[in-house]
Amino acid sequence: MMDDLTDIREFYNAAWDAEENRLERHQLEADITWRYLNLYLPPRGRLLEIGFGTGFYTFPLAKRGYQITAIDLADEYVIRCKAKAEELGISDQIDFRTGDARKLNEIPRDEFEAVLLMGPLYHLLLDTDRTAALRSAYACLKPGGVIFSAMISRFGILGGLIKDNPSWIENQEEVWSVVRHGHRPANAPRGGFRGYYVRLEEIAPMHERVGFRTLKIAGIEPAISADDESYNTLEGKQRDLWLDLLLEISAEQSMVASSRHILYIGKKSDD
């Protein structure tokens, strides 16, 4: 049985303003992700973006000429992003739809050069649901197609919690449920950011058991923990050089698990 994600849909339907500005606050996450997209995306073709959010990656990629089918659980994001695409004059490049990453029955199979699964795995607490989402993505890719999937690191989140929510540590039942199981206790009330937090060692097997060949696993905030402000203030040559260095070390295992977000890049077999 699939988990009921109604609370996740409601959370995001009410969170547009916070989500729209999130990557302005977390600029290294955005910069490293763009570097990897630029390295591994095919130069042209059809993209399937599952969990497009406020369109942070969707709109620039459409402007580059990609034809995008964009799916999100939250109705509000579909409505707002459709309107924005009209304003930008690129509505013919993007097909926005409401949908669930675990069951993409209306999406064509074997037709996309790449899939961006950049949020849904955050909220799929059941292993069977995560597998269903990855199987759906795999089925939609052309042979040789590439997946980019984002996850939240189980222990990479601790720096942000110490900084922004230090009282979290007092809820020991939740603390040890997250440490041992990757999510809140099963009896916890639903609402807010209900997430699943991965361990590094489960990421490759999770993808490979549905058929993906692993190309890269990288930490998206290498070396900074929760110190976004220090990176955000960098400019010009210094910023470029720091980004070059942090990209270079982003796949070091000691960096990956300590980042808040982890990016997996894999490939569907050519057969």
Foldseek 3Di string as FASTA:
>chain_A
DFDDCPQVQVQLLPCLVVQVCVCLLQVLLVLLVVVVCVVPADQEEEEEEEACRQVPPPPVVLVSPYQYEYEYQHPNSLVVNCVVCVVVVRNRRYHYDYDDLLPPPVADFQGTQEYEAEPNQFARLDLVSLLSSLLSRLRRHHAFHKYKYKFFFLQLCVLVCVVPPVCVVVVVQQNVCCVVRQFGDPPDDDHDRGGGHDHPVVVVVSNPVSAWDWDAKFASDFPCRSPSVVLSPDDDPVNVVVSVVCSVCGRPPVRRNNHRMMITMTTHHND
